[in-house]
Protein backbone atom coordinates (compact mmCIF):
# COMPACT_ATOMS: atom_id res chain seq x y z
CA MET A 1 123.34 67.03 210.08
CA LEU A 2 127.17 66.71 211.07
CA SER A 3 126.79 68.38 214.24
CA ALA A 4 123.67 66.55 215.23
CA PHE A 5 126.15 63.44 215.39
CA SER A 6 128.90 65.94 217.15
CA ASN A 7 125.68 67.07 220.01
CA SER A 8 125.09 63.14 220.43
CA PHE A 9 128.10 63.17 222.19
CA LYS A 10 127.57 66.26 224.13
CA ILE A 11 124.86 64.14 226.36
CA PRO A 12 125.99 62.33 228.78
CA GLU A 13 123.32 60.20 229.13
CA LEU A 14 123.62 59.53 224.56
CA ARG A 15 126.56 58.90 224.75
CA ASN A 16 126.59 56.48 227.36
CA LYS A 17 123.71 54.43 225.56
CA ILE A 18 125.86 54.86 222.20
CA PHE A 19 128.93 53.29 223.63
CA TYR A 20 127.01 50.75 225.70
CA THR A 21 125.55 49.56 221.93
CA LEU A 22 128.69 49.69 220.47
CA SER A 23 130.91 47.23 222.88
CA MET A 24 127.81 44.98 223.32
CA LEU A 25 128.02 44.52 219.29
CA PHE A 26 131.64 43.96 219.37
CA VAL A 27 130.85 41.30 221.88
CA ALA A 28 128.10 39.83 219.27
CA ARG A 29 131.23 40.23 216.07
CA ILE A 30 133.46 38.31 218.71
CA GLY A 31 131.39 34.82 219.30
CA ALA A 32 130.24 35.56 215.36
CA ASN A 33 134.54 34.33 214.51
CA ILE A 34 135.04 32.03 217.49
CA PRO A 35 135.39 28.37 215.59
CA LEU A 36 133.93 25.20 216.95
CA PRO A 37 136.31 23.03 218.68
CA GLY A 38 136.32 20.19 215.20
CA VAL A 39 135.05 22.27 212.90
CA ASP A 40 137.09 23.14 209.98
CA PRO A 41 134.77 26.34 208.10
CA THR A 42 137.17 26.18 204.86
CA PRO A 43 134.97 23.77 202.71
CA LEU A 44 131.92 25.42 203.27
CA GLN A 45 133.83 28.80 202.90
CA ASN A 46 134.96 27.46 199.40
CA PHE A 47 131.47 26.20 198.50
CA PHE A 48 130.18 28.91 198.81
CA ALA A 49 132.32 31.26 197.35
CA ALA A 50 131.09 28.92 194.13
CA GLN A 51 127.35 29.26 194.84
CA THR A 52 127.91 33.09 194.84
CA ALA A 53 130.15 33.04 191.67
CA SER A 54 127.12 30.79 190.35
CA GLY A 55 124.43 33.24 191.41
CA SER A 56 122.96 30.39 193.60
CA ALA A 57 123.73 31.18 196.95
CA GLY A 58 120.27 30.13 197.94
CA VAL A 59 119.39 28.79 201.46
CA LEU A 60 123.28 28.80 202.20
CA GLY A 61 123.44 32.90 201.73
CA LEU A 62 120.32 33.37 203.64
CA TYR A 63 121.22 31.70 206.57
CA ASN A 64 124.87 33.43 206.07
CA MET A 65 123.79 36.81 205.96
CA PHE A 66 121.41 36.50 209.26
CA THR A 67 123.82 34.79 211.10
CA GLY A 68 126.40 37.42 210.26
CA GLY A 69 128.50 35.29 208.37
CA ALA A 70 128.86 32.91 211.70
CA LEU A 71 127.76 30.28 209.66
CA LEU A 72 130.76 29.82 207.25
CA LYS A 73 132.76 30.46 209.67
CA GLY A 74 131.91 27.46 211.93
CA ALA A 75 131.64 29.92 214.66
CA VAL A 76 130.25 30.07 217.89
CA PHE A 77 127.55 32.23 217.43
CA ALA A 78 126.60 29.47 213.98
CA LEU A 79 122.63 29.78 215.01
CA GLY A 80 122.57 33.34 215.13
CA ILE A 81 119.96 35.47 216.69
CA MET A 82 117.21 33.29 214.49
CA PRO A 83 116.15 31.07 216.82
CA TYR A 84 114.81 33.60 219.17
CA ILE A 85 113.31 35.68 216.67
CA SER A 86 111.22 32.60 215.10
CA ALA A 87 109.95 31.76 218.78
CA SER A 88 109.01 35.67 219.71
CA ILE A 89 106.69 35.23 215.98
CA ILE A 90 105.29 32.27 216.92
CA PHE A 91 104.16 33.69 219.86
CA GLN A 92 103.38 36.98 218.38
CA LEU A 93 100.95 34.54 215.99
CA MET A 94 99.96 32.91 218.98
CA THR A 95 98.39 35.71 220.87
CA ALA A 96 96.38 37.04 218.22
CA VAL A 97 95.01 33.48 218.12
CA VAL A 98 94.99 31.80 221.56
CA PRO A 99 92.62 33.19 224.12
CA SER A 100 95.17 32.92 226.95
CA LEU A 101 97.52 34.42 225.42
CA ALA A 102 95.49 37.57 224.62
CA ARG A 103 94.75 37.29 227.89
CA LEU A 104 98.14 37.62 228.94
CA ALA A 105 98.75 40.25 226.54
CA ARG A 106 96.36 42.10 228.18
CA GLU A 107 97.16 42.26 231.75
CA GLY A 108 100.29 44.40 231.56
CA ASP A 109 103.71 44.08 232.37
CA VAL A 110 102.95 40.75 234.48
CA GLY A 111 101.82 39.26 231.17
CA ARG A 112 104.14 40.49 228.98
CA GLN A 113 106.84 39.08 231.15
CA LYS A 114 105.04 35.92 231.25
CA ILE A 115 105.02 36.14 227.74
CA THR A 116 108.93 36.80 227.03
CA GLN A 117 109.92 34.03 229.50
CA TYR A 118 107.68 31.48 228.08
CA THR A 119 109.23 32.73 224.18
CA ARG A 120 112.87 32.13 226.00
CA LEU A 121 112.03 28.70 227.01
CA ALA A 122 111.16 28.13 223.16
CA THR A 123 113.71 29.55 222.15
CA ILE A 124 116.13 27.13 224.12
CA VAL A 125 114.05 24.22 222.29
CA ILE A 126 114.31 25.67 218.77
CA CYS A 127 118.10 26.00 219.01
CA LEU A 128 118.15 22.48 220.05
CA VAL A 129 116.68 20.95 217.35
CA GLN A 130 118.57 23.61 214.68
CA GLY A 131 121.91 22.57 216.84
CA VAL A 132 121.76 18.98 216.16
CA LEU A 133 120.27 19.35 212.81
CA LEU A 134 123.01 21.66 211.62
CA ILE A 135 126.15 19.83 212.61
CA ILE A 136 124.01 16.58 211.33
CA GLY A 137 123.79 18.67 208.06
CA LEU A 138 127.63 19.18 208.41
CA LYS A 139 128.58 15.78 208.96
CA ASN A 140 126.41 15.12 205.49
CA PRO A 141 126.76 17.96 203.77
CA GLY A 142 125.47 17.64 200.31
CA GLY A 143 122.50 16.73 201.27
CA LEU A 144 122.10 19.92 203.19
CA PHE A 145 123.62 21.85 200.91
CA SER A 146 122.45 20.68 197.14
CA GLY A 147 125.75 20.31 195.09
CA PHE A 148 128.42 19.97 198.01
CA ASP A 149 130.75 16.95 196.96
CA THR A 150 132.90 16.12 199.57
CA SER A 151 135.52 14.86 197.52
CA THR A 152 135.58 18.05 195.82
CA TYR A 153 135.95 20.71 198.89
CA GLY A 154 136.85 18.39 202.04
CA SER A 155 134.52 17.06 205.07
CA ILE A 156 133.54 20.01 207.37
CA ILE A 157 133.56 17.89 210.34
CA LEU A 158 136.66 16.89 211.57
CA ASN A 159 135.19 14.71 214.63
CA ASP A 160 131.71 12.66 214.54
CA GLY A 161 131.33 11.02 218.02
CA GLY A 162 128.22 11.56 219.81
CA TRP A 163 130.78 13.29 222.60
CA PHE A 164 131.33 15.86 219.94
CA VAL A 165 127.47 16.30 219.01
CA PHE A 166 126.60 17.07 222.77
CA ASN A 167 129.42 19.44 222.97
CA SER A 168 128.44 21.62 219.42
CA VAL A 169 124.75 21.70 220.46
CA ILE A 170 125.57 22.77 224.09
CA ILE A 171 127.98 25.94 222.09
CA LEU A 172 125.05 26.51 219.78
CA THR A 173 122.42 27.00 221.68
CA THR A 174 125.08 29.03 224.77
CA GLY A 175 125.78 31.23 221.93
CA THR A 176 122.20 31.97 220.41
CA ILE A 177 121.12 32.52 224.86
CA ILE A 178 123.93 35.16 225.05
CA MET A 179 123.12 36.89 221.62
CA MET A 180 119.17 36.80 223.06
CA TRP A 181 121.02 38.57 225.95
CA LEU A 182 123.01 40.80 224.42
CA GLY A 183 120.08 41.94 222.48
CA GLU A 184 118.29 42.99 225.99
CA GLN A 185 120.63 44.43 226.95
CA ILE A 186 121.27 47.07 224.01
CA THR A 187 116.88 47.77 224.43
CA GLU A 188 117.13 48.10 227.83
CA LYS A 189 120.40 49.92 228.32
CA GLY A 190 121.52 51.21 224.73
CA ILE A 191 119.71 52.84 221.75
CA GLY A 192 117.69 51.07 219.08
CA GLN A 193 115.65 47.59 218.98
CA GLY A 194 118.78 45.46 220.54
CA VAL A 195 117.95 42.40 218.29
CA SER A 196 117.43 44.25 214.94
CA LEU A 197 120.90 46.32 215.67
CA LEU A 198 122.51 42.72 216.02
CA ILE A 199 120.59 41.44 212.79
CA MET A 200 122.25 45.09 210.71
CA VAL A 201 125.54 44.70 211.81
CA GLY A 202 125.87 41.22 210.75
CA ILE A 203 124.50 42.11 207.32
CA ILE A 204 126.74 45.05 207.20
CA ALA A 205 129.47 43.37 208.27
CA ASP A 206 130.02 41.57 204.58
CA LEU A 207 130.20 45.46 203.48
CA PRO A 208 134.07 45.71 203.33
CA ASN A 209 134.41 42.91 201.38
CA ALA A 210 132.32 43.68 198.83
CA LEU A 211 133.39 46.97 198.06
CA MET A 212 137.34 45.50 197.90
CA THR A 213 135.33 42.78 195.37
CA LEU A 214 133.79 46.27 193.48
CA TRP A 215 137.20 47.69 193.92
CA ARG A 216 139.47 44.81 191.82
CA MET A 217 136.00 44.66 189.18
CA VAL A 218 136.83 48.52 188.57
CA PHE A 219 140.69 48.00 187.96
CA ALA A 220 140.28 44.75 186.51
CA PRO A 221 142.22 43.75 183.46
CA ILE A 222 140.52 44.60 180.08
CA GLY A 223 138.71 41.94 179.01
CA THR A 224 137.96 40.51 182.27
CA ASN A 225 134.57 40.81 184.22
CA ARG A 226 135.57 44.26 184.78
CA ILE A 227 133.34 46.94 185.54
CA GLU A 228 133.56 50.78 183.74
CA ILE A 229 133.82 53.82 185.50
CA PRO A 230 130.64 55.15 183.67
CA GLU A 231 128.75 51.94 185.13
CA LEU A 232 130.00 52.48 188.51
CA ALA A 233 128.58 55.75 188.52
CA ALA A 234 125.30 54.20 187.39
CA MET A 235 125.53 51.97 190.55
CA LEU A 236 125.97 54.78 192.97
CA VAL A 237 123.05 56.46 191.83
CA LEU A 238 121.47 53.73 191.45
CA LEU A 239 122.45 52.86 194.94
CA VAL A 240 121.18 56.33 196.16
CA VAL A 241 117.99 56.08 194.71
CA VAL A 242 116.90 52.39 195.85
CA THR A 243 118.22 54.02 199.92
CA ALA A 244 115.94 56.86 198.87
CA GLY A 245 112.94 54.42 197.73
CA LEU A 246 113.34 52.43 200.70
CA VAL A 247 113.12 55.26 203.16
CA ALA A 248 110.12 56.73 201.60
CA VAL A 249 107.98 53.68 201.61
CA ILE A 250 109.28 52.09 205.01
CA GLN A 251 108.24 55.84 205.98
CA ALA A 252 105.00 56.46 203.97
CA MET A 253 101.71 56.02 206.13
CA ARG A 254 98.31 57.09 205.39
CA LYS A 255 96.95 59.33 208.18
CA ILE A 256 93.40 58.41 208.72
CA PRO A 257 91.85 61.97 210.42
CA VAL A 258 90.10 60.90 213.59
CA GLN A 259 87.74 63.23 215.59
CA TYR A 260 87.25 63.96 219.44
CA ALA A 261 83.34 64.39 220.90
CA LYS A 262 83.57 67.23 222.90
CA ARG A 263 82.73 66.79 227.22
CA VAL A 264 80.82 68.66 229.69
CA VAL A 265 82.64 67.49 232.91
CA GLY A 266 81.55 69.76 235.43
CA ARG A 267 82.61 73.41 234.62
CA LYS A 268 85.04 72.15 231.88
CA VAL A 269 85.28 70.76 228.55
CA TYR A 270 87.51 67.93 227.49
CA GLY A 271 88.21 66.83 223.98
CA GLY A 272 87.23 68.61 220.26
CA GLN A 273 90.09 68.00 219.31
CA SER A 274 91.55 66.85 216.20
CA SER A 275 94.37 63.63 215.77
CA PHE A 276 94.58 61.03 212.69
CA LEU A 277 94.88 57.71 213.45
CA PRO A 278 98.64 56.60 210.98
CA LEU A 279 98.40 53.21 208.68
CA LYS A 280 101.91 51.76 207.25
CA VAL A 281 101.93 50.99 204.11
CA ASN A 282 104.58 48.49 204.63
CA TYR A 283 102.32 47.51 208.02
CA SER A 284 104.12 44.04 207.72
CA GLY A 285 107.85 44.75 207.26
CA VAL A 286 110.62 42.35 206.17
CA MET A 287 108.44 39.25 206.84
CA PRO A 288 106.66 38.57 204.23
CA VAL A 289 110.14 38.20 202.42
CA ILE A 290 111.73 35.77 205.22
CA PHE A 291 108.75 33.76 205.26
CA ALA A 292 108.96 33.33 201.23
CA SER A 293 112.04 33.42 200.87
CA ALA A 294 112.57 30.11 203.86
CA ILE A 295 109.14 28.31 202.06
CA LEU A 296 111.12 28.24 198.81
CA MET A 297 114.39 27.02 199.67
CA PHE A 298 113.01 23.42 200.24
CA PRO A 299 111.01 22.55 197.39
CA GLN A 300 113.30 22.95 194.93
CA GLN A 301 115.83 20.45 197.18
CA ILE A 302 113.00 18.27 198.49
CA PHE A 303 111.55 17.71 194.49
CA SER A 304 115.25 17.22 193.17
CA SER A 305 115.84 14.12 195.62
CA LEU A 306 112.79 12.05 195.12
CA ALA A 307 113.28 12.51 191.70
CA ALA A 308 117.09 10.95 192.20
CA SER A 309 115.53 8.06 194.86
CA PHE A 310 112.66 7.29 192.72
CA ASP A 311 112.45 6.40 188.82
CA ALA A 312 108.76 6.89 189.09
CA LEU A 313 109.11 10.71 190.41
CA GLN A 314 111.19 11.61 187.33
CA PHE A 315 108.71 14.44 186.22
CA LEU A 316 109.35 16.25 189.66
CA GLY A 317 112.99 16.62 188.60
CA SER A 318 111.04 19.31 185.51
CA VAL A 319 108.96 20.34 188.80
CA SER A 320 112.16 21.74 190.50
CA ALA A 321 113.02 23.52 187.79
CA TRP A 322 110.35 25.92 188.64
CA PHE A 323 112.04 26.34 192.21
CA VAL A 324 115.50 27.94 190.19
CA GLN A 325 116.35 31.26 191.29
CA GLY A 326 116.47 33.15 187.70
CA THR A 327 113.70 31.38 186.04
CA VAL A 328 110.27 33.29 185.78
CA SER A 329 108.39 31.02 187.56
CA TYR A 330 110.52 31.03 190.27
CA TYR A 331 110.36 35.05 190.92
CA PHE A 332 105.99 34.30 189.87
CA ILE A 333 105.63 32.17 192.30
CA PHE A 334 108.03 34.43 194.90
CA GLY A 335 106.10 37.60 194.54
CA PHE A 336 102.65 35.60 194.83
CA LEU A 337 103.97 34.40 198.27
CA ILE A 338 104.99 37.64 199.17
CA LEU A 339 101.44 38.91 198.62
CA ILE A 340 100.06 35.89 200.59
CA PHE A 341 101.73 36.28 203.34
CA SER A 342 101.63 40.28 203.64
CA TYR A 343 98.02 40.06 203.60
CA PHE A 344 98.60 36.72 206.07
CA TRP A 345 100.16 39.34 208.32
CA VAL A 346 98.18 42.07 208.39
CA SER A 347 95.07 39.67 208.85
CA VAL A 348 97.07 38.81 212.36
CA MET A 349 98.44 41.85 213.48
CA PHE A 350 95.71 44.52 212.40
CA LYS A 351 92.59 44.33 214.20
CA PRO A 352 90.13 47.30 212.65
CA ILE A 353 87.21 45.83 215.12
CA GLN A 354 89.44 46.34 218.16
CA ILE A 355 90.59 50.02 216.88
CA ALA A 356 86.82 51.03 216.03
CA ASP A 357 86.01 50.03 219.75
CA ASP A 358 88.86 51.64 221.46
CA LEU A 359 87.93 55.20 219.06
CA LYS A 360 84.34 54.78 219.99
CA LYS A 361 84.62 54.46 223.90
CA GLY A 362 87.02 57.72 223.75
CA GLY A 363 84.90 59.65 222.23
CA GLY A 364 86.05 59.28 218.66
CA TYR A 365 85.43 59.28 215.15
CA ILE A 366 85.94 59.04 211.54
CA PRO A 367 84.47 62.54 209.65
CA GLY A 368 81.82 61.13 207.51
CA VAL A 369 82.13 57.83 209.09
CA ARG A 370 80.08 56.29 211.37
CA PRO A 371 81.41 55.26 214.68
CA GLY A 372 81.30 51.01 215.30
CA GLU A 373 81.22 48.16 212.47
CA PRO A 374 81.15 50.57 209.91
CA THR A 375 84.28 52.35 210.64
CA ALA A 376 86.12 48.73 211.41
CA LYS A 377 85.24 48.15 207.68
CA PHE A 378 86.52 51.31 206.59
CA LEU A 379 89.67 50.75 208.11
CA ASP A 380 90.11 47.26 206.58
CA PHE A 381 89.39 48.79 203.42
CA VAL A 382 92.15 51.10 203.76
CA MET A 383 94.33 48.41 204.84
CA THR A 384 93.58 45.98 202.49
CA ARG A 385 94.91 48.70 199.61
CA LEU A 386 97.75 49.90 201.36
CA THR A 387 98.32 46.05 201.89
CA PHE A 388 98.72 45.90 198.13
CA ALA A 389 101.07 48.68 197.74
CA GLY A 390 103.06 47.53 200.52
CA ALA A 391 103.49 43.53 198.50
CA VAL A 392 104.25 45.52 195.00
CA PHE A 393 106.97 47.43 197.00
CA LEU A 394 108.24 44.52 198.98
CA THR A 395 108.48 42.53 195.68
CA VAL A 396 110.26 44.65 193.86
CA ILE A 397 112.74 45.42 195.76
CA ALA A 398 113.46 41.98 197.06
CA VAL A 399 113.59 40.82 193.18
CA PHE A 400 115.82 43.71 192.32
CA PRO A 401 119.54 42.19 193.43
CA ASP A 402 118.87 39.13 191.38
CA VAL A 403 118.04 41.61 188.08
CA LEU A 404 121.51 43.06 188.83
CA LEU A 405 123.03 39.70 189.32
CA PHE A 406 121.60 38.11 186.35
CA THR A 407 121.46 41.24 184.00
CA ILE A 408 124.80 43.36 184.61
CA ASN A 409 126.79 39.95 185.68
CA VAL A 410 127.31 41.69 189.35
CA PRO A 411 128.70 39.75 191.59
CA PHE A 412 126.34 38.55 194.64
CA GLN A 413 128.05 40.12 197.26
CA ILE A 414 128.02 43.58 195.72
CA ALA A 415 124.32 43.08 194.73
CA ASN A 416 122.92 42.19 197.79
CA PHE A 417 123.11 45.62 199.17
CA PHE A 418 121.17 47.46 195.67
CA GLY A 419 118.07 45.67 197.73
CA GLY A 420 116.60 42.59 199.10
CA THR A 421 115.63 41.70 202.69
CA GLY A 422 119.00 43.21 203.98
CA MET A 423 118.49 45.92 202.69
CA LEU A 424 115.33 46.49 204.02
CA ILE A 425 116.39 45.60 207.17
CA THR A 426 119.11 47.99 207.83
CA VAL A 427 117.58 51.11 206.25
CA GLY A 428 114.59 50.38 208.49
CA VAL A 429 116.80 49.78 211.41
CA ILE A 430 119.33 52.77 211.04
CA LEU A 431 115.89 54.86 210.69
CA GLN A 432 115.02 53.62 214.38
CA VAL A 433 118.05 54.77 215.99
CA LEU A 434 118.10 57.88 214.24
CA GLN A 435 115.00 58.66 215.13
CA GLN A 436 115.73 57.94 218.92
CA VAL A 437 118.76 59.96 218.90
CA GLU A 438 117.32 62.68 217.39
CA THR A 439 114.11 62.62 220.09
CA TYR A 440 117.32 62.87 222.88
CA LEU A 441 118.32 65.92 220.50
CA LEU A 442 114.90 68.01 220.87
CA GLN A 443 114.45 67.02 224.20
CA ARG A 444 118.16 68.86 225.50
CA HIS A 445 117.15 71.80 223.23
CA TYR A 446 119.59 70.84 219.93
CA ASP A 447 119.04 70.63 216.84
CA GLY A 448 118.13 67.15 215.22
CA PHE A 449 119.27 65.65 212.00
CA LEU A 450 116.51 67.87 209.57
CA LYS A 451 115.70 71.29 209.23
CA LYS A 452 112.16 70.62 209.85
CA GLY A 453 112.83 68.40 212.69
CA ARG A 454 113.39 71.42 215.02
CA ILE A 455 111.59 72.53 217.86
CA ARG A 456 109.90 75.82 216.29
CA GLY A 457 108.96 79.16 218.90
CA ARG A 458 112.17 79.03 219.97
CA ASN A 459 114.16 81.97 219.48
CA PRO A 460 117.33 81.53 218.03
CA ALA A 461 118.59 85.05 219.65
CA LYS A 462 118.17 83.64 223.07
CA LYS A 463 119.97 80.34 222.03
CA SER A 464 121.84 79.26 224.99
CA ARG A 465 125.51 77.86 223.85
CA PRO A 466 124.98 74.16 224.94
CA GLN A 467 127.73 72.95 227.14
CA LEU A 468 130.31 70.45 226.72
CA ALA A 469 130.18 67.29 228.88
CA SER A 470 132.64 67.65 232.09
CA SER A 471 135.75 65.75 232.34
CA ALA A 472 134.41 63.41 234.83
CA ASP A 473 132.06 62.07 232.42
CA MET A 474 134.11 61.66 229.99
CA GLY A 475 136.22 59.95 232.24
CA ASN A 476 133.83 57.27 233.31
CA LEU A 477 134.25 56.33 229.66
CA LYS A 478 137.60 56.58 229.00
CA PRO A 479 138.83 52.96 229.60
CA LEU A 480 135.97 51.99 226.95
CA MET A 481 136.46 54.21 223.97
CA VAL A 482 140.37 53.49 224.37
CA VAL A 483 140.08 49.51 223.89
CA LEU A 484 137.35 50.03 221.30
CA GLY A 485 139.60 52.72 219.50
CA LEU A 486 142.80 50.39 219.39
CA ILE A 487 140.74 47.36 218.97
CA PHE A 488 139.65 49.11 215.45
CA VAL A 489 143.04 50.41 215.34
CA VAL A 490 143.92 46.79 214.90
CA GLY A 491 141.57 45.09 212.61
CA ILE A 492 142.38 47.81 210.14
CA ILE A 493 145.50 46.87 210.04
CA SER A 494 144.85 43.30 210.02
CA TRP A 495 142.45 43.94 206.87
CA VAL A 496 144.88 45.71 205.14
CA LEU A 497 147.43 43.65 205.59
CA ARG A 498 145.86 40.73 204.35
CA SER A 499 143.62 42.32 201.81
CA PHE A 500 147.11 44.16 200.36
CA VAL A 501 149.79 42.96 201.20
CA LEU A 502 149.96 39.31 201.88
């Protein structure tokens, strides 16, 4: 595996893609640390620290995770890439139900470019709306974040004029557009899927702080919230097990055998080969968890506000307790929503009738199943069972950090890396990037990350020694390597000084 990483830098094209991706991600992290003019993020950070200590980060914790910490820092990238993802999801769903968009999607590159343009315009609209709501919410944080008291934590907005709101909304919208552009550039010229990489880097940006928190808990004085060495070893083993389970389920698929009939064209015989139709166990990915989490954020706040405002609606106070994180009712509703959204996403995105028609037109059939409608029913039956297994897996992974949080009193900052939405996204994106890198390695006759990924039939005795990249190729990237290296060293030194000395 180590040789595979070193070989990645021996291929000029792959090396350029890796460094280009790192440079774009670095720009994204800079924008996540530049504060908005007139915003003091310290009260919001203190409030989040108090909420995290009590295990009820809620909407603030989830949104801050997707923005890579930009929200707590009041940064120009505070909206993150989520408006673009929301617009993409909306148009994905609309493509499946709106005939005009479905026709555009079938027109090839021209149609997809039009849909992409519509998605970008929708992103700007969503950014404007969310930017206004965010600035108004930061003016009155008690209504946006339940439990925030201005007299205790202080004011977040230092200037509440109309011109400030206009400037802030424009800056926030521009920040999201820049992140959208960075993601598209990474996808086109870098390695991996750009938007997914931006989210993943934002999630793992909190890893150094989590490691520092774990270090302090291990060496904390006796009698405090201390983690003993056996507990630390058990947590490390648990981390390996959870990661291995995530990799196994994300990669798991049901292979449906497909046989193609022979066709005689002139004197040649075509077809007759066997193949398979891959059906992923976790077909919907992380989307059901995101949808369920987003829906569960609002009922508790809405019911609590109504119960506090109207005497006739006092019973809603007890109803709001059902949606409090840590209760049995919360996890029951959470799991039920994940199950519902898993089936909803599969019903919208998975088209068994279309797959059956394509197989029939191509002369393919599933052994033991008649072509046409019986094939569609068979695929729908198999996908229904796989979706149930995937939904159960998503529920277990989404709830697992809370189990650590409330049973063995592990801080939320550490427990978040033992499962949940962030861990799902991180493992999935890393696997996707490694698959692309391995494809480049195998194309250039290098070994991949695993022994079974090696090209079969290659004679080791005739294996040519890999040639290193020329100095001219490396010279093009030397300035970028030097700049990234200096920034990395300065960042490490400043982090060490702030954590251990100051």
